[in-house]
Amino acid sequence: MIAAAPRRLLITPGEPAGIGPELLARLAQVPPADCELVAVCDPQLLRDAALALGLPLALRLADETAATQASPAGTLTVWPVSLAAATVPGQLDLRNAAYVLETLRRATVACAAGLADALVTGPIHKGVINDAAAHAHFTGHTEYLAELTGAALPVMLLAAGSLRVALATTHLPLAEVPAAITITSLTNTLRVLHADLVTKFGLEKPRILVTGLNPHAGEGGHLGREEIEVIEPVLSALRAEGMALEGPLPADTLFTPKVLARGDAVLAMYHDQGLPVLKHVGFGSAVNITLGLPIIRTSVDHGVALDLAGTGKADVGSLHAAVEAALDLIRRRKTP
């Protein structure tokens, strides 16, 4: 019997002046078994990070045509992408904004072509990319990866242990959220969430808890009518198709153990409705997963942490969790 080739995970360290490079140098010290960790970045970034941390790190320079091989401890495969300018930990440089996007582009295209099993992303700095005009109206990984893969509707889901929280809207000003939640958008989001819970998480009949938008889920229309006019009609229509949906539920009571036990995932209406609870439960070990893509993508749950860059104090826990989540999704996914 021929042994299966090791799984290949592509990792983009993100903002070069942030903590991403040193997190990757730490991750390389205890790589998962039967897995090749491939850093898509400038090799010198990793050498400098490992040197600053006093960690051993051997780099194997390769490209997409190289055969997969498991990563020994203290070793990383690197698909090189050159920085535009030398970087200093903690000091942003607009010249490297295009470099960050190129690492993401190369890794995403490779995954979509079947040259790797999953993509794990480190933290990026959206402000630098926008200030450098490296990409028009850049709003984040989620939307950019959807653009690269031609995905119609990416859905952001964060997971911490058994708690999974997806979002009906992502990076929007709060004042724009109600108008963004339409019958069409909410229907499509729930379809993506349900489909990926089946195909990527291996759940036969996922149970989804859906929040209301307003306090007390609108309280019968006295605190807002979005529940009556949008959310309830969507849930009713999708229940008729066989989806197991509960809601709209008041968010302040949904996120209690007794109610959460009734579902496999939560759909929150906006970013700061669902994610504060999740990050309270699992900050530092939570994972960001993008649904609706033709590839598996996981990410850390934190930012670039410029104040920690170069200090050796950054916690690698979330990157470890993102790698393990990617491997778990690879194992669970259902192929057509």
Protein backbone atom coordinates (compact mmCIF):
# COMPACT_ATOMS: atom_id res chain seq x y z
CA MET A 1 0.00 0.00 0.00
CA ILE A 2 1.40 3.39 -1.00
CA ALA A 3 1.47 5.93 1.83
CA ALA A 4 -0.47 9.14 1.24
CA ALA A 5 1.61 12.24 0.60
CA PRO A 6 1.86 14.69 3.51
CA ARG A 7 -0.76 17.44 3.60
CA ARG A 8 0.56 20.76 2.31
CA LEU A 9 -0.49 23.91 4.15
CA LEU A 10 0.42 27.28 2.68
CA ILE A 11 0.98 29.99 5.30
CA THR A 12 1.17 33.71 4.62
CA PRO A 13 2.75 35.56 7.57
CA GLY A 14 0.86 38.76 6.73
CA GLU A 15 2.17 42.22 7.58
CA PRO A 16 5.99 41.90 7.60
CA ALA A 17 6.43 44.48 10.38
CA GLY A 18 3.96 42.66 12.63
CA ILE A 19 4.19 39.48 14.67
CA GLY A 20 3.41 37.11 11.79
CA PRO A 21 7.01 36.20 10.86
CA GLU A 22 8.02 35.38 14.45
CA LEU A 23 4.85 33.36 15.00
CA LEU A 24 5.75 31.27 11.98
CA ALA A 25 9.31 30.77 13.27
CA ARG A 26 7.81 29.51 16.55
CA LEU A 27 5.29 27.29 14.78
CA ALA A 28 8.11 25.60 12.86
CA GLN A 29 9.59 24.30 16.11
CA VAL A 30 6.63 21.94 16.66
CA PRO A 31 5.06 21.24 13.25
CA PRO A 32 2.08 18.87 13.01
CA ALA A 33 2.83 15.32 11.98
CA ASP A 34 2.63 14.28 8.32
CA CYS A 35 2.26 17.87 7.14
CA GLU A 36 4.38 20.23 5.05
CA LEU A 37 4.33 23.82 6.24
CA VAL A 38 5.02 26.16 3.34
CA ALA A 39 5.66 29.84 4.07
CA VAL A 40 4.78 32.10 1.14
CA CYS A 41 6.94 35.12 1.92
CA ASP A 42 10.41 36.63 1.85
CA PRO A 43 12.86 34.07 3.32
CA GLN A 44 14.92 36.80 5.01
CA LEU A 45 11.92 37.74 7.14
CA LEU A 46 11.91 34.27 8.66
CA ARG A 47 15.68 34.18 9.12
CA ASP A 48 15.62 37.51 10.94
CA ALA A 49 12.67 36.46 13.12
CA ALA A 50 14.28 33.18 14.11
CA LEU A 51 17.59 34.92 14.86
CA ALA A 52 15.88 37.50 17.06
CA LEU A 53 14.11 34.72 18.98
CA GLY A 54 17.23 32.56 19.24
CA LEU A 55 15.45 29.67 17.50
CA PRO A 56 16.92 27.18 15.02
CA LEU A 57 15.30 27.44 11.62
CA ALA A 58 16.27 25.70 8.38
CA LEU A 59 14.61 26.92 5.19
CA ARG A 60 14.02 24.78 2.12
CA LEU A 61 13.51 27.09 -0.86
CA ALA A 62 11.11 25.58 -3.37
CA ASP A 63 8.20 26.38 -5.66
CA GLU A 64 4.82 24.98 -6.63
CA THR A 65 6.38 22.17 -8.68
CA ALA A 66 8.28 20.64 -5.74
CA ALA A 67 7.07 17.37 -4.25
CA THR A 68 5.35 17.49 -0.87
CA GLN A 69 7.46 16.43 2.08
CA ALA A 70 6.71 16.52 5.80
CA SER A 71 8.34 19.36 7.74
CA PRO A 72 10.80 18.24 10.44
CA ALA A 73 10.98 20.31 13.62
CA GLY A 74 12.81 23.57 13.03
CA THR A 75 12.30 23.45 9.25
CA LEU A 76 10.04 25.34 6.83
CA THR A 77 9.55 25.12 3.10
CA VAL A 78 9.47 28.61 1.55
CA TRP A 79 7.93 29.73 -1.70
CA PRO A 80 9.86 33.02 -2.00
CA VAL A 81 8.18 36.38 -2.56
CA SER A 82 10.51 39.36 -2.27
CA LEU A 83 9.84 42.34 -0.03
CA ALA A 84 9.81 45.73 -1.70
CA ALA A 85 11.77 47.26 1.20
CA ALA A 86 13.65 45.97 4.22
CA THR A 87 11.38 45.91 7.25
CA VAL A 88 11.82 46.80 10.92
CA PRO A 89 9.58 45.05 13.48
CA GLY A 90 6.84 47.41 14.62
CA GLN A 91 7.38 49.96 11.83
CA LEU A 92 4.90 49.92 8.96
CA ASP A 93 6.14 50.68 5.45
CA LEU A 94 3.69 51.50 2.66
CA ARG A 95 6.13 50.13 0.10
CA ASN A 96 5.44 46.57 1.30
CA ALA A 97 1.65 46.71 0.88
CA ALA A 98 1.81 45.20 -2.62
CA TYR A 99 4.10 42.46 -1.27
CA VAL A 100 1.47 41.41 1.27
CA LEU A 101 -1.16 41.14 -1.46
CA GLU A 102 1.19 39.17 -3.70
CA THR A 103 1.81 36.56 -0.99
CA LEU A 104 -1.95 36.14 -0.64
CA ARG A 105 -2.50 36.03 -4.40
CA ARG A 106 0.16 33.40 -4.98
CA ALA A 107 -0.99 31.19 -2.11
CA THR A 108 -4.67 31.44 -3.02
CA VAL A 109 -4.10 30.67 -6.69
CA ALA A 110 -1.98 27.65 -5.75
CA CYS A 111 -4.67 26.28 -3.43
CA ALA A 112 -7.36 26.82 -6.06
CA ALA A 113 -5.20 24.91 -8.55
CA GLY A 114 -4.93 21.95 -6.18
CA LEU A 115 -1.24 22.49 -5.43
CA ALA A 116 -1.90 22.70 -1.69
CA ASP A 117 -4.58 21.42 0.66
CA ALA A 118 -5.36 24.62 2.57
CA LEU A 119 -4.33 28.21 3.23
CA VAL A 120 -3.56 29.59 6.69
CA THR A 121 -3.17 33.37 6.92
CA GLY A 122 -1.38 35.55 9.42
CA PRO A 123 -2.58 39.04 10.37
CA ILE A 124 -2.50 41.90 7.87
CA HIS A 125 -2.81 45.67 8.32
CA LYS A 126 -5.73 46.88 6.20
CA GLY A 127 -4.83 50.54 6.73
CA VAL A 128 -1.41 50.17 5.09
CA ILE A 129 -2.89 48.47 2.03
CA ASN A 130 -5.48 51.21 1.65
CA ASP A 131 -3.06 54.05 2.37
CA ALA A 132 -0.65 52.68 -0.22
CA ALA A 133 -3.51 52.34 -2.73
CA ALA A 134 -2.27 48.79 -3.34
CA HIS A 135 -5.86 47.61 -3.90
CA ALA A 136 -9.02 49.61 -4.42
CA HIS A 137 -11.23 49.73 -1.31
CA PHE A 138 -9.47 46.83 0.44
CA THR A 139 -11.66 45.60 3.32
CA GLY A 140 -9.85 42.46 4.41
CA HIS A 141 -8.80 38.88 3.74
CA THR A 142 -12.35 37.57 3.42
CA GLU A 143 -13.39 39.79 0.55
CA TYR A 144 -9.99 39.68 -1.20
CA LEU A 145 -9.85 35.88 -1.24
CA ALA A 146 -13.38 35.78 -2.62
CA GLU A 147 -12.30 38.14 -5.40
CA LEU A 148 -9.29 35.96 -6.23
CA THR A 149 -11.31 32.74 -6.35
CA GLY A 150 -14.44 34.13 -7.98
CA ALA A 151 -16.58 33.24 -4.96
CA ALA A 152 -19.93 35.03 -5.06
CA LEU A 153 -20.47 35.30 -1.31
CA PRO A 154 -17.79 34.70 1.30
CA VAL A 155 -19.02 34.18 4.85
CA MET A 156 -16.84 34.84 7.90
CA LEU A 157 -17.01 32.23 10.65
CA LEU A 158 -14.96 32.21 13.84
CA ALA A 159 -14.62 29.11 15.99
CA ALA A 160 -13.42 28.59 19.54
CA GLY A 161 -13.82 25.04 20.77
CA SER A 162 -17.40 23.98 20.07
CA LEU A 163 -18.62 27.58 19.57
CA ARG A 164 -18.95 28.61 15.92
CA VAL A 165 -20.15 32.11 15.04
CA ALA A 166 -20.78 33.23 11.46
CA LEU A 167 -21.65 36.76 10.37
CA ALA A 168 -24.42 38.05 8.12
CA THR A 169 -22.39 41.24 7.54
CA THR A 170 -18.66 41.75 8.08
CA HIS A 171 -16.60 44.92 8.00
CA LEU A 172 -19.29 47.58 7.78
CA PRO A 173 -19.95 50.73 9.79
CA LEU A 174 -22.76 49.98 12.22
CA ALA A 175 -25.01 52.58 10.57
CA GLU A 176 -24.88 50.62 7.30
CA VAL A 177 -25.73 47.21 8.77
CA PRO A 178 -29.58 47.29 8.65
CA ALA A 179 -29.70 48.17 4.95
CA ALA A 180 -27.19 45.43 4.17
CA ILE A 181 -29.40 42.71 5.65
CA THR A 182 -31.89 41.95 2.90
CA ILE A 183 -33.99 38.90 2.13
CA THR A 184 -31.60 38.01 -0.69
CA SER A 185 -28.36 38.55 1.24
CA LEU A 186 -29.55 36.72 4.35
CA THR A 187 -30.90 33.81 2.31
CA ASN A 188 -27.61 33.46 0.45
CA THR A 189 -25.55 33.71 3.64
CA LEU A 190 -27.56 30.98 5.33
CA ARG A 191 -27.26 28.77 2.24
CA VAL A 192 -23.46 29.13 2.28
CA LEU A 193 -23.25 28.53 6.02
CA HIS A 194 -25.47 25.46 5.86
CA ALA A 195 -23.66 24.00 2.82
CA ASP A 196 -20.18 24.40 4.32
CA LEU A 197 -21.24 22.99 7.68
CA VAL A 198 -22.21 19.89 5.71
CA THR A 199 -19.33 19.68 3.22
CA LYS A 200 -16.42 21.15 5.22
CA PHE A 201 -17.40 20.29 8.79
CA GLY A 202 -19.05 16.96 8.05
CA LEU A 203 -22.34 17.75 9.83
CA GLU A 204 -25.22 15.79 8.28
CA LYS A 205 -28.01 18.14 9.39
CA PRO A 206 -26.53 21.26 10.98
CA ARG A 207 -28.60 23.21 13.49
CA ILE A 208 -28.18 26.96 13.10
CA LEU A 209 -29.19 29.54 15.72
CA VAL A 210 -29.94 32.95 14.19
CA THR A 211 -29.85 36.20 16.14
CA GLY A 212 -32.19 39.11 15.67
CA LEU A 213 -30.76 42.46 14.65
CA ASN A 214 -32.38 44.58 17.34
CA PRO A 215 -32.43 44.33 21.15
CA HIS A 216 -34.85 41.59 22.27
CA ALA A 217 -35.05 40.53 18.59
CA GLY A 218 -37.18 43.60 17.90
CA GLU A 219 -39.71 42.88 20.67
CA GLY A 220 -42.59 42.29 18.28
CA GLY A 221 -41.77 45.34 16.18
CA HIS A 222 -41.54 47.83 19.05
CA LEU A 223 -37.71 47.95 18.82
CA GLY A 224 -37.36 47.56 15.06
CA ARG A 225 -39.04 45.72 12.22
CA GLU A 226 -36.11 43.94 10.55
CA GLU A 227 -36.99 40.70 12.33
CA ILE A 228 -40.58 40.81 11.05
CA GLU A 229 -39.87 42.06 7.55
CA VAL A 230 -36.60 40.27 6.69
CA ILE A 231 -35.28 37.69 9.15
CA GLU A 232 -38.45 35.74 9.97
CA PRO A 233 -39.55 35.39 6.30
CA VAL A 234 -36.10 34.12 5.32
CA LEU A 235 -36.01 31.55 8.12
CA SER A 236 -39.51 30.34 7.31
CA ALA A 237 -38.67 29.87 3.63
CA LEU A 238 -35.45 27.97 4.36
CA ARG A 239 -37.09 25.80 7.01
CA ALA A 240 -39.53 24.73 4.31
CA GLU A 241 -36.50 23.52 2.34
CA GLY A 242 -35.41 21.36 5.25
CA MET A 243 -32.87 23.54 7.07
CA ALA A 244 -32.82 23.32 10.86
CA LEU A 245 -32.98 26.99 11.83
CA GLU A 246 -33.97 28.57 15.14
CA GLY A 247 -34.63 32.28 15.50
CA PRO A 248 -34.60 35.17 15.34
CA LEU A 249 -33.30 34.96 18.92
CA PRO A 250 -32.27 37.85 21.19
CA ALA A 251 -28.49 37.90 21.11
CA ASP A 252 -28.14 38.61 24.82
CA THR A 253 -29.77 35.30 25.74
CA LEU A 254 -28.72 33.24 22.73
CA PHE A 255 -25.10 33.27 23.93
CA THR A 256 -25.82 31.28 27.07
CA PRO A 257 -24.81 27.62 27.49
CA LYS A 258 -28.35 26.26 27.57
CA VAL A 259 -29.34 27.91 24.28
CA LEU A 260 -26.01 27.32 22.54
CA ALA A 261 -26.37 23.59 23.26
CA ARG A 262 -29.30 23.57 20.82
CA GLY A 263 -27.16 24.51 17.81
CA ASP A 264 -24.03 23.64 15.85
CA ALA A 265 -23.40 27.24 14.77
CA VAL A 266 -24.69 30.77 15.33
CA LEU A 267 -25.40 33.34 12.64
CA ALA A 268 -25.00 36.84 14.09
CA MET A 269 -26.19 39.87 12.18
CA TYR A 270 -23.04 41.98 12.51
CA HIS A 271 -19.40 41.87 13.55
CA ASP A 272 -19.60 43.19 17.09
CA GLN A 273 -22.78 41.31 17.92
CA GLY A 274 -21.20 37.87 17.72
CA LEU A 275 -17.44 38.18 17.89
CA PRO A 276 -16.99 39.79 21.33
CA VAL A 277 -18.61 36.72 22.89
CA LEU A 278 -16.49 34.32 20.88
CA LYS A 279 -13.25 36.15 21.61
CA HIS A 280 -14.10 36.30 25.30
CA VAL A 281 -14.42 32.53 25.24
CA GLY A 282 -11.34 31.78 23.18
CA PHE A 283 -9.10 34.75 22.40
CA GLY A 284 -5.65 33.51 21.51
CA SER A 285 -6.96 30.10 20.49
CA ALA A 286 -9.87 31.04 18.24
CA VAL A 287 -9.77 30.54 14.48
CA ASN A 288 -11.20 32.57 11.60
CA ILE A 289 -12.57 30.37 8.80
CA THR A 290 -13.81 31.70 5.46
CA LEU A 291 -16.84 29.86 4.12
CA GLY A 292 -18.13 30.03 0.56
CA LEU A 293 -14.68 29.66 -1.02
CA PRO A 294 -13.57 26.78 -3.25
CA ILE A 295 -10.56 26.37 -0.94
CA ILE A 296 -10.05 25.83 2.78
CA ARG A 297 -8.83 28.98 4.49
CA THR A 298 -8.24 29.51 8.19
CA SER A 299 -6.62 32.40 10.03
CA VAL A 300 -5.55 33.72 13.39
CA ASP A 301 -8.06 35.65 15.48
CA HIS A 302 -5.80 38.65 16.23
CA GLY A 303 -4.15 41.59 14.54
CA VAL A 304 -0.58 42.49 13.64
CA ALA A 305 0.30 43.59 17.21
CA LEU A 306 2.96 46.12 16.24
CA ASP A 307 3.65 46.80 19.93
CA LEU A 308 4.72 43.17 20.40
CA ALA A 309 6.65 42.76 17.15
CA GLY A 310 10.30 42.03 17.83
CA THR A 311 9.81 41.61 21.59
CA GLY A 312 9.54 37.82 21.60
CA LYS A 313 6.31 38.04 23.63
CA ALA A 314 3.79 37.19 20.91
CA ASP A 315 1.64 34.12 21.61
CA VAL A 316 1.61 31.48 18.87
CA GLY A 317 -1.56 29.81 20.20
CA SER A 318 -3.97 31.12 17.59
CA LEU A 319 -1.67 30.20 14.69
CA HIS A 320 -1.35 26.68 16.10
CA ALA A 321 -5.13 26.53 16.34
CA ALA A 322 -5.55 27.80 12.76
CA VAL A 323 -3.20 25.08 11.46
CA GLU A 324 -4.99 22.36 13.42
CA ALA A 325 -8.38 23.67 12.23
CA ALA A 326 -7.20 23.56 8.61
CA LEU A 327 -6.04 19.96 9.01
CA ASP A 328 -9.32 19.04 10.68
CA LEU A 329 -11.32 20.57 7.82
CA ILE A 330 -9.20 18.66 5.31
CA ARG A 331 -10.02 15.42 7.10
CA ARG A 332 -13.74 16.21 7.42
CA ARG A 333 -14.47 17.65 4.00
CA LYS A 334 -16.73 15.74 1.63
CA THR A 335 -15.77 15.47 -1.99
CA PRO A 336 -18.51 15.46 -4.64
